[in-house]
Amino acid sequence: MFELDVRSRKPIYEQLIERMKEMIMMGVLQPDEQLPSVRHLSGQLTINPNTIQKAYRELEREGYIYSLQGKGSFVAKPEHRPDDKRREEVKTELRKLFTEAVYLGIKDSDITLLYNSVKNEIHIKEQEENHD
C-alpha cells in the first residue's frame, strides 16, 4: 500500500498519517472506501497495531476518515473533511513556509508554479476517476 521509513526521525504514526492523507487527497483512496483493518495493516507493515490505531484516531479526529462500530474505518466524503480549525492550522503552516521561502530567495513565480502544479495534479486525478 505504501512505504514507511523506519530510520526517519519522524514517528511511524505521523508518517502513516501523512501517507494516508496523500492517498486520500490524490484520489488513490476514494470516499467511503474501507481502509485495511488495524490488524491487517500492522501485519502488512510489521508495526505495532497500537501505532496504526493511533494514526487512524488522528485521521478520524481531523475528518479524513470515519469509523463504524464493528465494520471498520472508511475514507470520509469531501464535505466531511477538514474543518475550519484544520484550515487555519494549514494556513499557519503555510505562512511559516512562505516566510522561509522568501528568506531563501524563492521567487513568487516559483511558488505560484508549484501551487498550480499541485492543483492541476489533483484536478487531473479527479477527471480520470470521473471517467472510470
C-alpha atoms as a PDB file:
ATOM      1  CA  MET A   1       0.000   0.000   0.000  1.00  0.00           C
ATOM      2  CA  PHE A   2       2.786   2.439   0.929  1.00  0.00           C
ATOM      3  CA  GLU A   3       6.230   2.622   2.447  1.00  0.00           C
ATOM      4  CA  LEU A   4       7.328   3.965   5.797  1.00  0.00           C
ATOM      5  CA  ASP A   5      10.877   4.942   6.709  1.00  0.00           C
ATOM      6  CA  VAL A   6      11.762   3.198   9.970  1.00  0.00           C
ATOM      7  CA  ARG A   7      15.042   5.144  10.109  1.00  0.00           C
ATOM      8  CA  SER A   8      13.311   8.526   9.919  1.00  0.00           C
ATOM      9  CA  ARG A   9      13.249  10.807  12.933  1.00  0.00           C
ATOM     10  CA  LYS A  10       9.530  11.301  12.284  1.00  0.00           C
ATOM     11  CA  PRO A  11       7.393   8.899  14.310  1.00  0.00           C
ATOM     12  CA  ILE A  12       5.870   5.995  12.368  1.00  0.00           C
ATOM     13  CA  TYR A  13       2.293   7.034  13.179  1.00  0.00           C
ATOM     14  CA  GLU A  14       2.954  10.529  11.748  1.00  0.00           C
ATOM     15  CA  GLN A  15       4.403   9.011   8.582  1.00  0.00           C
ATOM     16  CA  LEU A  16       1.339   6.787   8.328  1.00  0.00           C
ATOM     17  CA  ILE A  17      -0.972   9.788   8.729  1.00  0.00           C
ATOM     18  CA  GLU A  18       0.896  11.712   6.015  1.00  0.00           C
ATOM     19  CA  ARG A  19       0.833   8.794   3.552  1.00  0.00           C
ATOM     20  CA  MET A  20      -2.862   8.168   4.089  1.00  0.00           C
ATOM     21  CA  LYS A  21      -3.706  11.860   3.692  1.00  0.00           C
ATOM     22  CA  GLU A  22      -1.705  11.926   0.448  1.00  0.00           C
ATOM     23  CA  MET A  23      -3.561   8.879  -0.844  1.00  0.00           C
ATOM     24  CA  ILE A  24      -6.906  10.440   0.053  1.00  0.00           C
ATOM     25  CA  MET A  25      -6.077  13.837  -1.453  1.00  0.00           C
ATOM     26  CA  MET A  26      -4.705  12.299  -4.652  1.00  0.00           C
ATOM     27  CA  GLY A  27      -7.775  10.108  -5.031  1.00  0.00           C
ATOM     28  CA  VAL A  28      -5.999   6.792  -4.543  1.00  0.00           C
ATOM     29  CA  LEU A  29      -8.354   6.166  -1.637  1.00  0.00           C
ATOM     30  CA  GLN A  30     -11.952   7.031  -2.555  1.00  0.00           C
ATOM     31  CA  PRO A  31     -14.778   8.324  -0.327  1.00  0.00           C
ATOM     32  CA  ASP A  32     -16.476   5.518   1.589  1.00  0.00           C
ATOM     33  CA  GLU A  33     -13.673   3.090   0.662  1.00  0.00           C
ATOM     34  CA  GLN A  34     -12.858   0.786   3.534  1.00  0.00           C
ATOM     35  CA  LEU A  35      -9.356   1.040   4.939  1.00  0.00           C
ATOM     36  CA  PRO A  36      -7.387  -2.055   5.885  1.00  0.00           C
ATOM     37  CA  SER A  37      -8.128  -3.285   9.388  1.00  0.00           C
ATOM     38  CA  VAL A  38      -5.665  -2.350  12.115  1.00  0.00           C
ATOM     39  CA  ARG A  39      -4.608  -5.996  12.411  1.00  0.00           C
ATOM     40  CA  HIS A  40      -4.144  -6.433   8.659  1.00  0.00           C
ATOM     41  CA  LEU A  41      -2.174  -3.201   8.185  1.00  0.00           C
ATOM     42  CA  SER A  42       0.038  -3.842  11.207  1.00  0.00           C
ATOM     43  CA  GLY A  43       0.866  -7.283   9.796  1.00  0.00           C
ATOM     44  CA  GLN A  44       1.495  -5.883   6.328  1.00  0.00           C
ATOM     45  CA  LEU A  45       3.772  -3.097   7.608  1.00  0.00           C
ATOM     46  CA  THR A  46       5.161  -5.134  10.527  1.00  0.00           C
ATOM     47  CA  ILE A  47       4.451  -2.401  13.050  1.00  0.00           C
ATOM     48  CA  ASN A  48       2.586  -2.403  16.330  1.00  0.00           C
ATOM     49  CA  PRO A  49      -1.236  -2.347  15.993  1.00  0.00           C
ATOM     50  CA  ASN A  50      -1.368   0.465  18.574  1.00  0.00           C
ATOM     51  CA  THR A  51       0.615   2.629  16.136  1.00  0.00           C
ATOM     52  CA  ILE A  52      -1.951   2.007  13.393  1.00  0.00           C
ATOM     53  CA  GLN A  53      -4.795   2.693  15.811  1.00  0.00           C
ATOM     54  CA  LYS A  54      -3.203   5.972  16.885  1.00  0.00           C
ATOM     55  CA  ALA A  55      -2.887   7.087  13.248  1.00  0.00           C
ATOM     56  CA  TYR A  56      -6.489   6.094  12.487  1.00  0.00           C
ATOM     57  CA  ARG A  57      -7.743   8.012  15.545  1.00  0.00           C
ATOM     58  CA  GLU A  58      -5.879  11.133  14.444  1.00  0.00           C
ATOM     59  CA  LEU A  59      -7.149  10.832  10.860  1.00  0.00           C
ATOM     60  CA  GLU A  60     -10.668  10.496  12.224  1.00  0.00           C
ATOM     61  CA  ARG A  61     -10.212  13.496  14.515  1.00  0.00           C
ATOM     62  CA  GLU A  62      -9.087  15.551  11.508  1.00  0.00           C
ATOM     63  CA  GLY A  63     -12.055  14.408   9.435  1.00  0.00           C
ATOM     64  CA  TYR A  64     -10.225  12.340   6.816  1.00  0.00           C
ATOM     65  CA  ILE A  65     -11.781   9.034   7.849  1.00  0.00           C
ATOM     66  CA  TYR A  66     -14.727   7.775   9.876  1.00  0.00           C
ATOM     67  CA  SER A  67     -15.305   4.548  11.783  1.00  0.00           C
ATOM     68  CA  LEU A  68     -18.334   2.301  12.034  1.00  0.00           C
ATOM     69  CA  GLN A  69     -18.507   0.088  15.089  1.00  0.00           C
ATOM     70  CA  GLY A  70     -17.781  -3.498  14.104  1.00  0.00           C
ATOM     71  CA  LYS A  71     -17.296  -2.632  10.423  1.00  0.00           C
ATOM     72  CA  GLY A  72     -14.011  -0.734  10.287  1.00  0.00           C
ATOM     73  CA  SER A  73     -12.663   2.594   9.096  1.00  0.00           C
ATOM     74  CA  PHE A  74     -13.616   4.345   5.863  1.00  0.00           C
ATOM     75  CA  VAL A  75     -12.494   7.379   3.848  1.00  0.00           C
ATOM     76  CA  ALA A  76     -14.678  10.403   4.602  1.00  0.00           C
ATOM     77  CA  LYS A  77     -16.537  12.226   1.846  1.00  0.00           C
ATOM     78  CA  PRO A  78     -15.015  15.595   0.883  1.00  0.00           C
ATOM     79  CA  GLU A  79     -17.809  17.551   2.566  1.00  0.00           C
ATOM     80  CA  HIS A  80     -16.884  15.872   5.857  1.00  0.00           C
ATOM     81  CA  ARG A  81     -13.209  16.610   5.585  1.00  0.00           C
ATOM     82  CA  PRO A  82     -11.066  19.111   7.412  1.00  0.00           C
ATOM     83  CA  ASP A  83     -12.967  21.718   9.307  1.00  0.00           C
ATOM     84  CA  ASP A  84     -12.260  25.424   9.643  1.00  0.00           C
ATOM     85  CA  LYS A  85      -9.876  24.754  12.520  1.00  0.00           C
ATOM     86  CA  ARG A  86      -7.730  22.490  10.341  1.00  0.00           C
ATOM     87  CA  ARG A  87      -7.803  25.032   7.504  1.00  0.00           C
ATOM     88  CA  GLU A  88      -6.481  27.669   9.894  1.00  0.00           C
ATOM     89  CA  GLU A  89      -3.738  25.293  11.051  1.00  0.00           C
ATOM     90  CA  VAL A  90      -2.705  24.725   7.426  1.00  0.00           C
ATOM     91  CA  LYS A  91      -2.693  28.482   6.757  1.00  0.00           C
ATOM     92  CA  THR A  92      -0.415  28.961   9.774  1.00  0.00           C
ATOM     93  CA  GLU A  93       1.920  26.238   8.484  1.00  0.00           C
ATOM     94  CA  LEU A  94       1.907  27.809   5.013  1.00  0.00           C
ATOM     95  CA  ARG A  95       2.733  31.233   6.473  1.00  0.00           C
ATOM     96  CA  LYS A  96       5.808  29.736   8.136  1.00  0.00           C
ATOM     97  CA  LEU A  97       6.842  28.002   4.917  1.00  0.00           C
ATOM     98  CA  PHE A  98       6.293  31.153   2.845  1.00  0.00           C
ATOM     99  CA  THR A  99       8.386  33.134   5.324  1.00  0.00           C
ATOM    100  CA  GLU A 100      11.204  30.624   4.916  1.00  0.00           C
ATOM    101  CA  ALA A 101      10.772  30.602   1.124  1.00  0.00           C
ATOM    102  CA  VAL A 102      11.103  34.405   0.993  1.00  0.00           C
ATOM    103  CA  TYR A 103      14.169  34.224   3.228  1.00  0.00           C
ATOM    104  CA  LEU A 104      15.729  31.599   0.936  1.00  0.00           C
ATOM    105  CA  GLY A 105      15.034  33.734  -2.122  1.00  0.00           C
ATOM    106  CA  ILE A 106      12.424  31.542  -3.766  1.00  0.00           C
ATOM    107  CA  LYS A 107      10.592  33.624  -6.348  1.00  0.00           C
ATOM    108  CA  ASP A 108       6.863  34.346  -6.276  1.00  0.00           C
ATOM    109  CA  SER A 109       6.583  32.775  -9.708  1.00  0.00           C
ATOM    110  CA  ASP A 110       8.144  29.519  -8.446  1.00  0.00           C
ATOM    111  CA  ILE A 111       5.683  29.359  -5.539  1.00  0.00           C
ATOM    112  CA  THR A 112       2.757  30.063  -7.865  1.00  0.00           C
ATOM    113  CA  LEU A 113       4.008  27.454 -10.324  1.00  0.00           C
ATOM    114  CA  LEU A 114       4.289  24.857  -7.552  1.00  0.00           C
ATOM    115  CA  TYR A 115       0.800  25.650  -6.241  1.00  0.00           C
ATOM    116  CA  ASN A 116      -0.714  25.420  -9.726  1.00  0.00           C
ATOM    117  CA  SER A 117       1.151  22.179 -10.406  1.00  0.00           C
ATOM    118  CA  VAL A 118      -0.300  20.527  -7.279  1.00  0.00           C
ATOM    119  CA  LYS A 119      -3.762  21.870  -8.064  1.00  0.00           C
ATOM    120  CA  ASN A 120      -3.543  20.507 -11.631  1.00  0.00           C
ATOM    121  CA  GLU A 121      -2.386  17.080 -10.431  1.00  0.00           C
ATOM    122  CA  ILE A 122      -5.416  16.840  -8.164  1.00  0.00           C
ATOM    123  CA  HIS A 123      -7.758  18.097 -10.904  1.00  0.00           C
ATOM    124  CA  ILE A 124      -6.387  15.595 -13.453  1.00  0.00           C
ATOM    125  CA  LYS A 125      -6.749  12.745 -10.962  1.00  0.00           C
ATOM    126  CA  GLU A 126     -10.367  13.755 -10.276  1.00  0.00           C
ATOM    127  CA  GLN A 127     -11.113  13.835 -14.015  1.00  0.00           C
ATOM    128  CA  GLU A 128      -9.579  10.390 -14.519  1.00  0.00           C
ATOM    129  CA  GLU A 129     -11.733   8.980 -11.724  1.00  0.00           C
ATOM    130  CA  ASN A 130     -14.910  10.534 -13.160  1.00  0.00           C
ATOM    131  CA  HIS A 131     -14.242   8.827 -16.493  1.00  0.00           C
ATOM    132  CA  ASP A 132     -13.776   5.362 -14.924  1.00  0.00           C
END
